[in-house]
Amino acid sequence: MYDGGRGVEQSDEEAVQWYRKAADQGDARAQFDLGHMYQNGRGVEQSDEEAVLWYRKAAEDGNEYAQFALGFMFDNGRGVVQSDEEAVRWYRKAADQGHASAQFNLGNMYDDGCGVVQSDEEAVRWYRKAADQGDAGAQFNLGLMYKNGRGVEQSDEEAVRWYRKAAEHGNECAQSILGTLHDGALVQEGS
């Protein structure tokens, strides 16, 4: 309630105090929230290392948001030594619980071959899971996969369908590509 200023005056310091009490008792959601406060320097001095400590506690208890956050920290080398393999490990745990952003990031890891063997098919699988939940980035990337026939049979119609979904969710790249349409077909770049 203090974090969001709901029913009380908003106070990051009070929020941290209460999150810490619950986190110290093993509450995974409070551990995640405390990690978030440290990552963003809200109510405490900003510390990626301290954020990782709290995210890890919550992630090990199965909190999908903390698993995603820990994957992000490993992916970007924040508070830990950068490791694509560890990023994949934590993204997968969150993705398996249905976390759309983790599914999208896992798709990117397979798309680029970071921390895993590059696989267009696996990238498509994870992009589709996130795209079906409305993730605009995943919808756009799925459109690219169809446009280029990577991991799926090439289909301009499917590419346009996914670009439209991404554009409707505010993806500017998809909006731009849709602007290049001519008579329902994708205009090739340079033509």
Protein backbone atom coordinates (compact mmCIF):
# COMPACT_ATOMS: atom_id res chain seq x y z
CA MET A 1 0.00 0.00 0.00
CA TYR A 2 2.89 2.37 0.77
CA ASP A 3 4.58 1.46 -2.53
CA GLY A 4 1.58 2.59 -4.57
CA GLY A 5 0.23 5.21 -2.18
CA ARG A 6 -3.04 3.34 -1.82
CA GLY A 7 -4.92 4.36 1.33
CA VAL A 8 -1.77 6.00 2.71
CA GLU A 9 0.67 8.64 1.55
CA GLN A 10 3.11 7.02 -0.90
CA SER A 11 6.45 6.31 0.74
CA ASP A 12 9.25 4.23 -0.77
CA GLU A 13 11.00 4.10 2.60
CA GLU A 14 7.92 2.70 4.38
CA ALA A 15 7.34 0.24 1.52
CA VAL A 16 10.92 -1.04 1.85
CA GLN A 17 10.51 -1.42 5.60
CA TRP A 18 7.39 -3.59 5.21
CA TYR A 19 8.70 -5.54 2.22
CA ARG A 20 11.81 -6.38 4.23
CA LYS A 21 9.76 -7.68 7.19
CA ALA A 22 7.80 -10.00 4.90
CA ALA A 23 10.88 -10.91 2.82
CA ASP A 24 12.83 -11.88 5.93
CA GLN A 25 9.97 -14.28 6.75
CA GLY A 26 10.33 -15.95 3.34
CA ASP A 27 7.52 -14.25 1.42
CA ALA A 28 8.59 -14.63 -2.24
CA ARG A 29 6.47 -11.73 -3.51
CA ALA A 30 7.96 -9.38 -0.92
CA GLN A 31 11.44 -10.64 -1.81
CA PHE A 32 10.76 -9.80 -5.46
CA ASP A 33 9.37 -6.38 -4.54
CA LEU A 34 12.39 -5.65 -2.34
CA GLY A 35 14.68 -6.65 -5.21
CA HIS A 36 12.78 -4.26 -7.47
CA MET A 37 13.23 -1.44 -4.96
CA TYR A 38 17.00 -2.06 -4.85
CA GLN A 39 17.26 -2.34 -8.64
CA ASN A 40 15.56 1.02 -9.05
CA GLY A 41 16.97 2.76 -5.98
CA ARG A 42 13.55 3.41 -4.49
CA GLY A 43 13.63 3.92 -0.73
CA VAL A 44 17.13 2.43 -0.58
CA GLU A 45 20.46 3.13 -2.21
CA GLN A 46 20.42 1.60 -5.70
CA SER A 47 22.25 -1.73 -5.73
CA ASP A 48 22.08 -4.32 -8.48
CA GLU A 49 23.93 -6.77 -6.24
CA GLU A 50 21.33 -6.44 -3.49
CA ALA A 51 18.54 -6.69 -6.09
CA VAL A 52 20.02 -9.96 -7.36
CA LEU A 53 20.21 -11.31 -3.81
CA TRP A 54 16.47 -10.72 -3.25
CA TYR A 55 15.44 -11.78 -6.77
CA ARG A 56 17.34 -15.04 -6.32
CA LYS A 57 15.55 -15.84 -3.04
CA ALA A 58 12.15 -15.27 -4.66
CA ALA A 59 13.14 -17.02 -7.91
CA GLU A 60 14.26 -20.12 -6.05
CA ASP A 61 10.84 -20.17 -4.37
CA GLY A 62 9.23 -20.23 -7.83
CA ASN A 63 8.21 -16.58 -8.24
CA GLU A 64 7.97 -16.13 -12.03
CA TYR A 65 8.50 -12.36 -11.86
CA ALA A 66 11.70 -12.82 -9.89
CA GLN A 67 12.82 -15.55 -12.29
CA PHE A 68 12.33 -13.15 -15.18
CA ALA A 69 14.10 -10.35 -13.32
CA LEU A 70 17.02 -12.62 -12.47
CA GLY A 71 17.22 -13.68 -16.12
CA PHE A 72 17.32 -10.00 -17.08
CA MET A 73 20.12 -9.33 -14.59
CA PHE A 74 22.22 -12.19 -16.00
CA ASP A 75 21.35 -11.19 -19.58
CA ASN A 76 22.63 -7.66 -18.96
CA GLY A 77 25.39 -8.35 -16.42
CA ARG A 78 23.77 -6.25 -13.72
CA GLY A 79 24.83 -7.26 -10.22
CA VAL A 80 26.24 -10.52 -11.57
CA VAL A 81 28.76 -11.61 -14.18
CA GLN A 82 26.93 -11.57 -17.51
CA SER A 83 25.93 -15.08 -18.54
CA ASP A 84 23.69 -15.99 -21.46
CA GLU A 85 23.38 -19.54 -20.10
CA GLU A 86 22.13 -18.33 -16.71
CA ALA A 87 19.82 -15.83 -18.41
CA VAL A 88 18.31 -18.67 -20.47
CA ARG A 89 17.98 -20.83 -17.36
CA TRP A 90 15.96 -18.21 -15.47
CA TYR A 91 13.97 -17.00 -18.49
CA ARG A 92 12.94 -20.61 -19.15
CA LYS A 93 11.70 -21.07 -15.57
CA ALA A 94 9.52 -17.95 -15.88
CA ALA A 95 8.49 -18.78 -19.46
CA ASP A 96 7.35 -22.25 -18.41
CA GLN A 97 5.00 -20.53 -15.95
CA GLY A 98 3.50 -18.43 -18.76
CA HIS A 99 5.47 -15.18 -18.27
CA ALA A 100 5.10 -13.48 -21.70
CA SER A 101 8.19 -11.26 -21.46
CA ALA A 102 10.31 -14.26 -20.48
CA GLN A 103 8.89 -16.20 -23.43
CA PHE A 104 9.77 -13.29 -25.74
CA ASN A 105 13.30 -13.03 -24.33
CA LEU A 106 13.76 -16.78 -24.60
CA GLY A 107 12.67 -16.54 -28.23
CA ASN A 108 15.33 -13.88 -28.76
CA MET A 109 17.96 -16.10 -27.16
CA TYR A 110 17.11 -18.93 -29.57
CA ASP A 111 16.86 -16.50 -32.49
CA ASP A 112 20.37 -15.18 -31.80
CA GLY A 113 21.93 -18.37 -30.43
CA CYS A 114 22.79 -16.74 -27.10
CA GLY A 115 23.23 -19.29 -24.30
CA VAL A 116 21.57 -21.96 -26.44
CA VAL A 117 22.12 -23.57 -29.82
CA GLN A 118 20.55 -21.23 -32.38
CA SER A 119 17.18 -22.60 -33.50
CA ASP A 120 14.64 -20.80 -35.65
CA GLU A 121 12.02 -23.40 -34.71
CA GLU A 122 12.53 -22.85 -30.97
CA ALA A 123 12.54 -19.07 -31.49
CA VAL A 124 9.19 -19.34 -33.29
CA ARG A 125 7.78 -21.58 -30.56
CA TRP A 126 8.61 -19.09 -27.80
CA TYR A 127 7.65 -16.02 -29.86
CA ARG A 128 4.26 -17.62 -30.55
CA LYS A 129 3.62 -18.26 -26.84
CA ALA A 130 4.35 -14.61 -26.02
CA ALA A 131 2.55 -13.32 -29.13
CA ASP A 132 -0.60 -15.24 -28.20
CA GLN A 133 -0.56 -13.31 -24.90
CA GLY A 134 -0.41 -9.98 -26.74
CA ASP A 135 3.33 -9.25 -26.53
CA ALA A 136 3.85 -6.78 -29.39
CA GLY A 137 7.59 -7.48 -29.73
CA ALA A 138 6.94 -11.19 -30.07
CA GLN A 139 4.15 -10.53 -32.58
CA PHE A 140 6.52 -8.40 -34.65
CA ASN A 141 9.32 -10.99 -34.50
CA LEU A 142 6.89 -13.73 -35.45
CA GLY A 143 5.94 -11.60 -38.47
CA LEU A 144 9.63 -11.40 -39.39
CA MET A 145 9.99 -15.17 -39.09
CA TYR A 146 7.06 -15.69 -41.48
CA LYS A 147 8.30 -13.00 -43.88
CA ASN A 148 11.71 -14.65 -44.10
CA GLY A 149 10.58 -18.27 -43.79
CA ARG A 150 12.70 -18.88 -40.71
CA GLY A 151 11.43 -21.73 -38.53
CA VAL A 152 8.11 -21.67 -40.38
CA GLU A 153 6.98 -21.94 -43.98
CA GLN A 154 7.39 -18.52 -45.63
CA SER A 155 4.07 -16.70 -45.80
CA ASP A 156 3.52 -13.02 -46.52
CA GLU A 157 -0.10 -13.40 -45.38
CA GLU A 158 0.94 -14.71 -41.95
CA ALA A 159 3.66 -12.07 -41.72
CA VAL A 160 1.09 -9.33 -42.37
CA ARG A 161 -1.33 -10.87 -39.85
CA TRP A 162 1.31 -10.78 -37.11
CA TYR A 163 2.56 -7.32 -38.11
CA ARG A 164 -1.02 -6.05 -37.81
CA LYS A 165 -1.38 -7.51 -34.33
CA ALA A 166 1.93 -5.92 -33.30
CA ALA A 167 0.94 -2.58 -34.86
CA GLU A 168 -2.38 -2.63 -33.01
CA HIS A 169 -0.38 -3.04 -29.79
CA GLY A 170 1.72 0.02 -30.64
CA ASN A 171 4.82 -1.58 -32.21
CA GLU A 172 6.28 1.19 -34.37
CA CYS A 173 8.41 -1.15 -36.50
CA ALA A 174 5.32 -3.14 -37.44
CA GLN A 175 3.45 0.06 -38.20
CA SER A 176 6.28 1.16 -40.47
CA ILE A 177 6.41 -2.17 -42.31
CA LEU A 178 2.65 -2.11 -42.81
CA GLY A 179 3.13 1.28 -44.43
CA THR A 180 5.23 -0.45 -47.11
CA LEU A 181 2.38 -2.72 -48.15
CA HIS A 182 1.24 -2.50 -51.73
CA ASP A 183 -1.81 -4.44 -52.94
CA GLY A 184 -1.63 -6.79 -49.96
CA ALA A 185 1.96 -7.93 -50.67
CA LEU A 186 5.04 -7.00 -48.75
CA VAL A 187 7.23 -4.62 -50.72
CA GLN A 188 10.79 -5.89 -50.71
CA GLU A 189 13.30 -3.44 -49.30
CA GLY A 190 15.12 -1.62 -52.05
CA SER A 191 12.37 -2.15 -54.63
